[in-house]
PDB file of N, CA and C in Angstrom:
ATOM      1  N   UNK A   1      16.873  19.056 -12.232  1.00  0.00           N
ATOM      2  CA  UNK A   1      15.917  19.167 -11.288  1.00  0.00           C
ATOM      3  C   UNK A   1      16.477  18.050  -9.751  1.00  0.00           C
ATOM      4  N   UNK A   2      16.263  18.791  -8.987  1.00  0.00           N
ATOM      5  CA  UNK A   2      16.758  17.445  -7.690  1.00  0.00           C
ATOM      6  C   UNK A   2      16.132  16.783  -7.789  1.00  0.00           C
ATOM      7  N   UNK A   3      16.075  15.494  -7.242  1.00  0.00           N
ATOM      8  CA  UNK A   3      15.760  14.489  -6.665  1.00  0.00           C
ATOM      9  C   UNK A   3      14.862  14.438  -5.340  1.00  0.00           C
ATOM     10  N   UNK A   4      13.638  14.409  -4.971  1.00  0.00           N
ATOM     11  CA  UNK A   4      13.038  14.388  -3.565  1.00  0.00           C
ATOM     12  C   UNK A   4      12.936  12.880  -3.121  1.00  0.00           C
ATOM     13  N   UNK A   5      12.633  13.160  -1.862  1.00  0.00           N
ATOM     14  CA  UNK A   5      12.349  11.844  -0.889  1.00  0.00           C
ATOM     15  C   UNK A   5      11.120  11.375  -0.501  1.00  0.00           C
ATOM     16  N   UNK A   6      10.737  10.542  -0.729  1.00  0.00           N
ATOM     17  CA  UNK A   6       9.251  10.197  -0.266  1.00  0.00           C
ATOM     18  C   UNK A   6       8.636  10.781   1.053  1.00  0.00           C
ATOM     19  N   UNK A   7       7.704  11.637   1.161  1.00  0.00           N
ATOM     20  CA  UNK A   7       7.658  12.233   2.741  1.00  0.00           C
ATOM     21  C   UNK A   7       6.850  11.061   3.354  1.00  0.00           C
ATOM     22  N   UNK A   8       6.839  11.446   4.514  1.00  0.00           N
ATOM     23  CA  UNK A   8       5.571  10.381   6.006  1.00  0.00           C
ATOM     24  C   UNK A   8       4.177  10.654   5.552  1.00  0.00           C
ATOM     25  N   UNK A   9       3.531  10.076   5.222  1.00  0.00           N
ATOM     26  CA  UNK A   9       2.061  10.113   5.357  1.00  0.00           C
ATOM     27  C   UNK A   9       1.170  10.005   6.646  1.00  0.00           C
ATOM     28  N   UNK A  10       0.224  10.689   6.717  1.00  0.00           N
ATOM     29  CA  UNK A  10      -0.776  10.479   7.589  1.00  0.00           C
ATOM     30  C   UNK A  10      -1.958   9.670   7.537  1.00  0.00           C
ATOM     31  N   UNK A  11      -1.848   9.257   5.965  1.00  0.00           N
ATOM     32  CA  UNK A  11      -3.086   8.478   5.523  1.00  0.00           C
ATOM     33  C   UNK A  11      -2.989   7.775   4.277  1.00  0.00           C
ATOM     34  N   UNK A  12      -3.613   6.584   3.881  1.00  0.00           N
ATOM     35  CA  UNK A  12      -3.530   6.360   2.843  1.00  0.00           C
ATOM     36  C   UNK A  12      -3.624   7.218   1.560  1.00  0.00           C
ATOM     37  N   UNK A  13      -4.896   7.675   2.131  1.00  0.00           N
ATOM     38  CA  UNK A  13      -5.793   8.905   1.299  1.00  0.00           C
ATOM     39  C   UNK A  13      -4.978  10.225   0.906  1.00  0.00           C
ATOM     40  N   UNK A  14      -4.182  10.502   1.779  1.00  0.00           N
ATOM     41  CA  UNK A  14      -3.035  11.537   1.530  1.00  0.00           C
ATOM     42  C   UNK A  14      -1.773  10.824   0.770  1.00  0.00           C
ATOM     43  N   UNK A  15      -1.688   9.883   1.048  1.00  0.00           N
ATOM     44  CA  UNK A  15      -0.345   8.977  -0.152  1.00  0.00           C
ATOM     45  C   UNK A  15      -0.970   8.748  -1.253  1.00  0.00           C
ATOM     46  N   UNK A  16      -2.091   8.727  -1.476  1.00  0.00           N
ATOM     47  CA  UNK A  16      -2.669   8.385  -2.889  1.00  0.00           C
ATOM     48  C   UNK A  16      -2.673   9.812  -3.608  1.00  0.00           C
ATOM     49  N   UNK A  17      -3.137  10.719  -2.841  1.00  0.00           N
ATOM     50  CA  UNK A  17      -3.142  12.365  -3.592  1.00  0.00           C
ATOM     51  C   UNK A  17      -1.488  12.517  -3.855  1.00  0.00           C
ATOM     52  N   UNK A  18      -0.624  12.143  -3.288  1.00  0.00           N
ATOM     53  CA  UNK A  18       0.930  12.973  -3.437  1.00  0.00           C
ATOM     54  C   UNK A  18       1.340  12.067  -4.889  1.00  0.00           C
ATOM     55  N   UNK A  19       1.018  10.710  -4.783  1.00  0.00           N
ATOM     56  CA  UNK A  19       1.034   9.857  -6.014  1.00  0.00           C
ATOM     57  C   UNK A  19       0.685  10.443  -7.010  1.00  0.00           C
ATOM     58  N   UNK A  20      -0.436  11.109  -6.701  1.00  0.00           N
ATOM     59  CA  UNK A  20      -1.318  11.335  -8.217  1.00  0.00           C
ATOM     60  C   UNK A  20      -0.666  12.574  -9.286  1.00  0.00           C
ATOM     61  N   UNK A  21       0.467  13.225  -7.871  1.00  0.00           N
ATOM     62  CA  UNK A  21       0.609  14.397  -8.796  1.00  0.00           C
ATOM     63  C   UNK A  21       2.419  14.210  -8.470  1.00  0.00           C
ATOM     64  N   UNK A  22       3.048  12.867  -8.603  1.00  0.00           N
ATOM     65  CA  UNK A  22       4.521  12.848  -8.318  1.00  0.00           C
ATOM     66  C   UNK A  22       4.663  11.694  -9.325  1.00  0.00           C
ATOM     67  N   UNK A  23       5.724  11.793  -9.685  1.00  0.00           N
ATOM     68  CA  UNK A  23       6.411  10.356 -10.486  1.00  0.00           C
ATOM     69  C   UNK A  23       7.124   9.989 -10.210  1.00  0.00           C
ATOM     70  N   UNK A  24       7.805   8.526 -10.500  1.00  0.00           N
ATOM     71  CA  UNK A  24       8.759   7.697  -9.952  1.00  0.00           C
ATOM     72  C   UNK A  24      10.279   8.517 -10.296  1.00  0.00           C
ATOM     73  N   UNK A  25      10.292   9.030 -11.478  1.00  0.00           N
ATOM     74  CA  UNK A  25      11.498   9.675 -12.005  1.00  0.00           C
ATOM     75  C   UNK A  25      11.931  10.575 -10.933  1.00  0.00           C
ATOM     76  N   UNK A  26      11.145  11.244 -10.230  1.00  0.00           N
ATOM     77  CA  UNK A  26      11.607  12.561  -9.501  1.00  0.00           C
ATOM     78  C   UNK A  26      12.001  12.151  -8.181  1.00  0.00           C
ATOM     79  N   UNK A  27      11.914  10.724  -7.521  1.00  0.00           N
ATOM     80  CA  UNK A  27      12.094  10.366  -6.612  1.00  0.00           C
ATOM     81  C   UNK A  27      13.693   9.771  -6.427  1.00  0.00           C
ATOM     82  N   UNK A  28      14.080  10.141  -5.169  1.00  0.00           N
ATOM     83  CA  UNK A  28      15.638   9.721  -4.938  1.00  0.00           C
ATOM     84  C   UNK A  28      15.949   8.576  -4.935  1.00  0.00           C
ATOM     85  N   UNK A  29      16.768   7.823  -5.426  1.00  0.00           N
ATOM     86  CA  UNK A  29      17.006   6.112  -5.075  1.00  0.00           C
ATOM     87  C   UNK A  29      16.070   5.892  -5.932  1.00  0.00           C
ATOM     88  N   UNK A  30      15.117   6.125  -6.776  1.00  0.00           N
ATOM     89  CA  UNK A  30      14.185   4.953  -7.967  1.00  0.00           C
ATOM     90  C   UNK A  30      14.693   5.785  -8.712  1.00  0.00           C
ATOM     91  N   UNK A  31      15.175   4.934  -9.823  1.00  0.00           N
ATOM     92  CA  UNK A  31      15.431   4.820 -11.562  1.00  0.00           C
ATOM     93  C   UNK A  31      14.694   4.024 -12.521  1.00  0.00           C
ATOM     94  N   UNK A  32      13.940   4.707 -13.278  1.00  0.00           N
ATOM     95  CA  UNK A  32      13.312   3.908 -14.536  1.00  0.00           C
ATOM     96  C   UNK A  32      14.473   3.784 -15.436  1.00  0.00           C
ATOM     97  N   UNK A  33      14.481   2.833 -15.895  1.00  0.00           N
ATOM     98  CA  UNK A  33      15.616   2.707 -17.312  1.00  0.00           C
ATOM     99  C   UNK A  33      15.164   2.193 -18.582  1.00  0.00           C
ATOM    100  N   UNK A  34      15.383   2.913 -19.596  1.00  0.00           N
ATOM    101  CA  UNK A  34      14.593   2.032 -20.823  1.00  0.00           C
ATOM    102  C   UNK A  34      14.742   0.646 -21.043  1.00  0.00           C
ATOM    103  N   UNK A  35      13.961  -0.324 -21.463  1.00  0.00           N
ATOM    104  CA  UNK A  35      13.738  -1.366 -21.718  1.00  0.00           C
ATOM    105  C   UNK A  35      13.796  -2.291 -20.798  1.00  0.00           C
ATOM    106  N   UNK A  36      13.909  -1.818 -19.409  1.00  0.00           N
ATOM    107  CA  UNK A  36      13.454  -2.700 -18.034  1.00  0.00           C
ATOM    108  C   UNK A  36      11.738  -3.120 -18.004  1.00  0.00           C
ATOM    109  N   UNK A  37      11.720  -4.290 -17.812  1.00  0.00           N
ATOM    110  CA  UNK A  37      10.206  -4.695 -17.886  1.00  0.00           C
ATOM    111  C   UNK A  37      10.095  -4.762 -16.162  1.00  0.00           C
ATOM    112  N   UNK A  38       8.891  -4.298 -15.636  1.00  0.00           N
ATOM    113  CA  UNK A  38       8.575  -4.535 -14.365  1.00  0.00           C
ATOM    114  C   UNK A  38       7.494  -5.849 -14.683  1.00  0.00           C
ATOM    115  N   UNK A  39       7.902  -6.711 -13.834  1.00  0.00           N
ATOM    116  CA  UNK A  39       7.889  -8.003 -13.222  1.00  0.00           C
ATOM    117  C   UNK A  39       6.692  -8.090 -11.887  1.00  0.00           C
ATOM    118  N   UNK A  40       5.336  -8.413 -12.234  1.00  0.00           N
ATOM    119  CA  UNK A  40       4.360  -7.943 -10.869  1.00  0.00           C
ATOM    120  C   UNK A  40       4.569  -9.673 -10.211  1.00  0.00           C
ATOM    121  N   UNK A  41       5.332  -9.122  -8.686  1.00  0.00           N
ATOM    122  CA  UNK A  41       5.015 -10.539  -8.154  1.00  0.00           C
ATOM    123  C   UNK A  41       3.871 -11.050  -8.139  1.00  0.00           C
ATOM    124  N   UNK A  42       3.967 -12.866  -8.042  1.00  0.00           N
ATOM    125  CA  UNK A  42       2.574 -13.496  -7.991  1.00  0.00           C
ATOM    126  C   UNK A  42       2.358 -13.599  -6.458  1.00  0.00           C
ATOM    127  N   UNK A  43       1.317 -13.664  -6.528  1.00  0.00           N
ATOM    128  CA  UNK A  43       0.107 -13.561  -5.415  1.00  0.00           C
ATOM    129  C   UNK A  43      -0.661 -14.824  -5.419  1.00  0.00           C
ATOM    130  N   UNK A  44      -0.973 -15.212  -4.131  1.00  0.00           N
ATOM    131  CA  UNK A  44      -2.052 -16.470  -4.208  1.00  0.00           C
ATOM    132  C   UNK A  44      -3.251 -15.595  -2.951  1.00  0.00           C
ATOM    133  N   UNK A  45      -4.574 -16.424  -3.247  1.00  0.00           N
ATOM    134  CA  UNK A  45      -5.630 -15.831  -2.826  1.00  0.00           C
ATOM    135  C   UNK A  45      -5.650 -16.552  -1.344  1.00  0.00           C
ATOM    136  N   UNK A  46      -5.997 -15.573  -0.490  1.00  0.00           N
ATOM    137  CA  UNK A  46      -6.189 -16.316   0.501  1.00  0.00           C
ATOM    138  C   UNK A  46      -7.589 -15.416   1.482  1.00  0.00           C
ATOM    139  N   UNK A  47      -8.689 -16.863   1.524  1.00  0.00           N
ATOM    140  CA  UNK A  47      -9.585 -16.482   2.095  1.00  0.00           C
ATOM    141  C   UNK A  47      -9.839 -16.534   3.495  1.00  0.00           C
ATOM    142  N   UNK A  48     -10.949 -15.595   3.808  1.00  0.00           N
ATOM    143  CA  UNK A  48     -11.275 -15.846   5.384  1.00  0.00           C
ATOM    144  C   UNK A  48     -12.567 -15.237   6.053  1.00  0.00           C
ATOM    145  N   UNK A  49     -12.910 -15.806   6.341  1.00  0.00           N
ATOM    146  CA  UNK A  49     -14.651 -15.247   6.764  1.00  0.00           C
ATOM    147  C   UNK A  49     -14.783 -15.067   7.996  1.00  0.00           C
ATOM    148  N   UNK A  50     -15.558 -13.554   8.072  1.00  0.00           N
ATOM    149  CA  UNK A  50     -15.779 -13.093   8.799  1.00  0.00           C
ATOM    150  C   UNK A  50     -16.864 -12.580   9.124  1.00  0.00           C
ATOM    151  N   UNK A  51     -17.506 -12.252  10.354  1.00  0.00           N
ATOM    152  CA  UNK A  51     -19.042 -12.140  10.210  1.00  0.00           C
ATOM    153  C   UNK A  51     -19.536 -10.533   9.729  1.00  0.00           C
ATOM    154  N   UNK A  52     -20.373 -10.580   9.636  1.00  0.00           N
ATOM    155  CA  UNK A  52     -20.961  -9.638   8.892  1.00  0.00           C
ATOM    156  C   UNK A  52     -20.582  -8.141   9.526  1.00  0.00           C
ATOM    157  N   UNK A  53     -20.729  -8.098  10.521  1.00  0.00           N
ATOM    158  CA  UNK A  53     -20.557  -6.550  11.388  1.00  0.00           C
ATOM    159  C   UNK A  53     -18.845  -5.939  10.780  1.00  0.00           C
ATOM    160  N   UNK A  54     -18.415  -7.016  11.044  1.00  0.00           N
ATOM    161  CA  UNK A  54     -16.727  -6.874  10.957  1.00  0.00           C
ATOM    162  C   UNK A  54     -16.688  -6.569   9.577  1.00  0.00           C
ATOM    163  N   UNK A  55     -17.256  -7.190   8.435  1.00  0.00           N
ATOM    164  CA  UNK A  55     -17.226  -6.555   7.241  1.00  0.00           C
ATOM    165  C   UNK A  55     -17.197  -5.351   6.961  1.00  0.00           C
ATOM    166  N   UNK A  56     -18.440  -5.086   7.239  1.00  0.00           N
ATOM    167  CA  UNK A  56     -19.275  -3.888   7.041  1.00  0.00           C
ATOM    168  C   UNK A  56     -18.524  -2.848   7.800  1.00  0.00           C
ATOM    169  N   UNK A  57     -17.807  -2.920   8.897  1.00  0.00           N
ATOM    170  CA  UNK A  57     -17.198  -1.824   9.493  1.00  0.00           C
ATOM    171  C   UNK A  57     -15.560  -1.887   8.642  1.00  0.00           C
ATOM    172  N   UNK A  58     -15.323  -2.830   7.838  1.00  0.00           N
ATOM    173  CA  UNK A  58     -14.273  -2.802   7.340  1.00  0.00           C
ATOM    174  C   UNK A  58     -14.721  -2.114   6.031  1.00  0.00           C
ATOM    175  N   UNK A  59     -15.505  -2.471   5.175  1.00  0.00           N
ATOM    176  CA  UNK A  59     -15.910  -1.173   4.236  1.00  0.00           C
ATOM    177  C   UNK A  59     -16.129  -0.342   4.496  1.00  0.00           C
ATOM    178  N   UNK A  60     -16.524   0.408   5.682  1.00  0.00           N
ATOM    179  CA  UNK A  60     -16.666   1.683   6.177  1.00  0.00           C
ATOM    180  C   UNK A  60     -15.010   2.797   6.280  1.00  0.00           C
ATOM    181  N   UNK A  61     -14.281   1.699   7.183  1.00  0.00           N
ATOM    182  CA  UNK A  61     -13.022   2.243   7.311  1.00  0.00           C
ATOM    183  C   UNK A  61     -12.176   2.290   6.048  1.00  0.00           C
ATOM    184  N   UNK A  62     -12.606   1.973   4.953  1.00  0.00           N
ATOM    185  CA  UNK A  62     -11.906   1.512   3.599  1.00  0.00           C
ATOM    186  C   UNK A  62     -12.136   2.440   3.230  1.00  0.00           C
ATOM    187  N   UNK A  63     -13.675   2.894   3.083  1.00  0.00           N
ATOM    188  CA  UNK A  63     -13.980   4.271   2.274  1.00  0.00           C
ATOM    189  C   UNK A  63     -13.379   5.096   2.617  1.00  0.00           C
ATOM    190  N   UNK A  64     -13.521   5.293   4.273  1.00  0.00           N
ATOM    191  CA  UNK A  64     -12.883   6.578   4.688  1.00  0.00           C
ATOM    192  C   UNK A  64     -11.396   6.706   4.295  1.00  0.00           C
ATOM    193  N   UNK A  65     -10.669   6.047   3.860  1.00  0.00           N
ATOM    194  CA  UNK A  65      -9.105   5.739   3.628  1.00  0.00           C
ATOM    195  C   UNK A  65      -9.092   6.001   1.967  1.00  0.00           C
ATOM    196  N   UNK A  66      -9.763   5.749   1.387  1.00  0.00           N
ATOM    197  CA  UNK A  66     -10.267   6.293  -0.082  1.00  0.00           C
ATOM    198  C   UNK A  66      -9.522   4.633  -0.701  1.00  0.00           C
ATOM    199  N   UNK A  67      -9.930   3.627  -0.043  1.00  0.00           N
ATOM    200  CA  UNK A  67      -9.422   1.920  -0.660  1.00  0.00           C
ATOM    201  C   UNK A  67     -10.427   1.089  -0.609  1.00  0.00           C
ATOM    202  N   UNK A  68     -10.248   0.193  -1.336  1.00  0.00           N
ATOM    203  CA  UNK A  68     -10.992  -0.886  -0.948  1.00  0.00           C
ATOM    204  C   UNK A  68     -10.963  -1.719  -0.245  1.00  0.00           C
ATOM    205  N   UNK A  69     -12.010  -2.243   0.555  1.00  0.00           N
ATOM    206  CA  UNK A  69     -11.644  -3.189   1.354  1.00  0.00           C
ATOM    207  C   UNK A  69     -10.823  -4.266   1.614  1.00  0.00           C
ATOM    208  N   UNK A  70     -10.688  -4.822   0.768  1.00  0.00           N
ATOM    209  CA  UNK A  70      -9.627  -6.087   0.533  1.00  0.00           C
ATOM    210  C   UNK A  70      -7.987  -5.298   0.100  1.00  0.00           C
ATOM    211  N   UNK A  71      -8.301  -4.318   0.127  1.00  0.00           N
ATOM    212  CA  UNK A  71      -6.865  -3.798  -0.559  1.00  0.00           C
ATOM    213  C   UNK A  71      -6.354  -3.342   0.731  1.00  0.00           C
ATOM    214  N   UNK A  72      -7.269  -2.770   1.713  1.00  0.00           N
ATOM    215  CA  UNK A  72      -7.163  -2.500   2.927  1.00  0.00           C
ATOM    216  C   UNK A  72      -6.587  -3.790   4.229  1.00  0.00           C
ATOM    217  N   UNK A  73      -7.606  -5.062   3.917  1.00  0.00           N
ATOM    218  CA  UNK A  73      -7.277  -6.025   4.302  1.00  0.00           C
ATOM    219  C   UNK A  73      -5.697  -6.243   4.538  1.00  0.00           C
ATOM    220  N   UNK A  74      -5.426  -6.234   3.190  1.00  0.00           N
ATOM    221  CA  UNK A  74      -4.141  -6.721   2.543  1.00  0.00           C
ATOM    222  C   UNK A  74      -2.906  -5.578   3.190  1.00  0.00           C
ATOM    223  N   UNK A  75      -3.076  -4.727   3.150  1.00  0.00           N
ATOM    224  CA  UNK A  75      -2.399  -3.983   3.581  1.00  0.00           C
ATOM    225  C   UNK A  75      -1.814  -4.034   5.411  1.00  0.00           C
ATOM    226  N   UNK A  76      -3.186  -4.215   5.928  1.00  0.00           N
ATOM    227  CA  UNK A  76      -2.926  -4.524   7.406  1.00  0.00           C
ATOM    228  C   UNK A  76      -2.180  -6.095   7.872  1.00  0.00           C
ATOM    229  N   UNK A  77      -2.488  -7.004   6.997  1.00  0.00           N
ATOM    230  CA  UNK A  77      -2.049  -8.289   7.011  1.00  0.00           C
ATOM    231  C   UNK A  77      -0.271  -7.789   6.689  1.00  0.00           C
ATOM    232  N   UNK A  78       0.106  -7.440   5.820  1.00  0.00           N
ATOM    233  CA  UNK A  78       1.344  -7.136   5.033  1.00  0.00           C
ATOM    234  C   UNK A  78       1.949  -6.120   6.450  1.00  0.00           C
ATOM    235  N   UNK A  79       1.584  -5.081   7.127  1.00  0.00           N
ATOM    236  CA  UNK A  79       1.886  -4.084   7.843  1.00  0.00           C
ATOM    237  C   UNK A  79       2.298  -5.277   9.094  1.00  0.00           C
ATOM    238  N   UNK A  80       0.831  -6.284   9.575  1.00  0.00           N
ATOM    239  CA  UNK A  80       1.357  -7.214  10.711  1.00  0.00           C
ATOM    240  C   UNK A  80       2.445  -7.941  10.405  1.00  0.00           C
ATOM    241  N   UNK A  81       2.468  -8.259   9.235  1.00  0.00           N
ATOM    242  CA  UNK A  81       3.718  -9.391   9.132  1.00  0.00           C
ATOM    243  C   UNK A  81       5.322  -9.151   9.067  1.00  0.00           C
ATOM    244  N   UNK A  82       4.992  -7.943   8.636  1.00  0.00           N
ATOM    245  CA  UNK A  82       6.575  -7.317   8.887  1.00  0.00           C
ATOM    246  C   UNK A  82       6.941  -6.692   9.967  1.00  0.00           C
ATOM    247  N   UNK A  83       5.918  -6.271  11.154  1.00  0.00           N
ATOM    248  CA  UNK A  83       5.811  -5.951  12.516  1.00  0.00           C
ATOM    249  C   UNK A  83       6.672  -7.258  13.078  1.00  0.00           C
ATOM    250  N   UNK A  84       5.950  -8.269  12.888  1.00  0.00           N
ATOM    251  CA  UNK A  84       6.217  -9.854  13.361  1.00  0.00           C
ATOM    252  C   UNK A  84       7.408 -10.322  13.200  1.00  0.00           C
ATOM    253  N   UNK A  85       8.169  -9.721  11.906  1.00  0.00           N
ATOM    254  CA  UNK A  85       9.408 -10.470  11.303  1.00  0.00           C
ATOM    255  C   UNK A  85       9.906  -9.523  11.768  1.00  0.00           C
ATOM    256  N   UNK A  86      10.116  -8.147  11.951  1.00  0.00           N
ATOM    257  CA  UNK A  86      11.258  -7.161  12.922  1.00  0.00           C
ATOM    258  C   UNK A  86      11.044  -7.574  14.039  1.00  0.00           C
ATOM    259  N   UNK A  87      10.151  -8.247  14.862  1.00  0.00           N
ATOM    260  CA  UNK A  87      10.168  -8.110  16.232  1.00  0.00           C
ATOM    261  C   UNK A  87      10.936  -9.888  16.548  1.00  0.00           C
ATOM    262  N   UNK A  88      10.946 -10.725  15.548  1.00  0.00           N
ATOM    263  CA  UNK A  88      11.944 -11.796  16.010  1.00  0.00           C
ATOM    264  C   UNK A  88      13.588 -11.421  15.465  1.00  0.00           C
ATOM    265  N   UNK A  89      13.847 -10.361  14.987  1.00  0.00           N
ATOM    266  CA  UNK A  89      15.147 -10.241  14.972  1.00  0.00           C
ATOM    267  C   UNK A  89      16.298  -9.807  16.008  1.00  0.00           C
TER     268      UNK A  89
END
């Protein structure tokens, strides 16, 4: 079977639905070998304080995307950090 590339997604919900029906072994450039162990990178907790109205809005947006609100915040922070690091180059 020919390997496929990961498509561009319009939303996190669309991406999640796609991954529900696909496996990493189907993706070009991704290989899973026997005996390899995935080591999850260590993460550090960062606390932020937000006004209640922003937390409520965050939860609403996250629900629309099919995500938890803390996951959405993490994705947004990572996205902005990547943009910033690319702008510095």
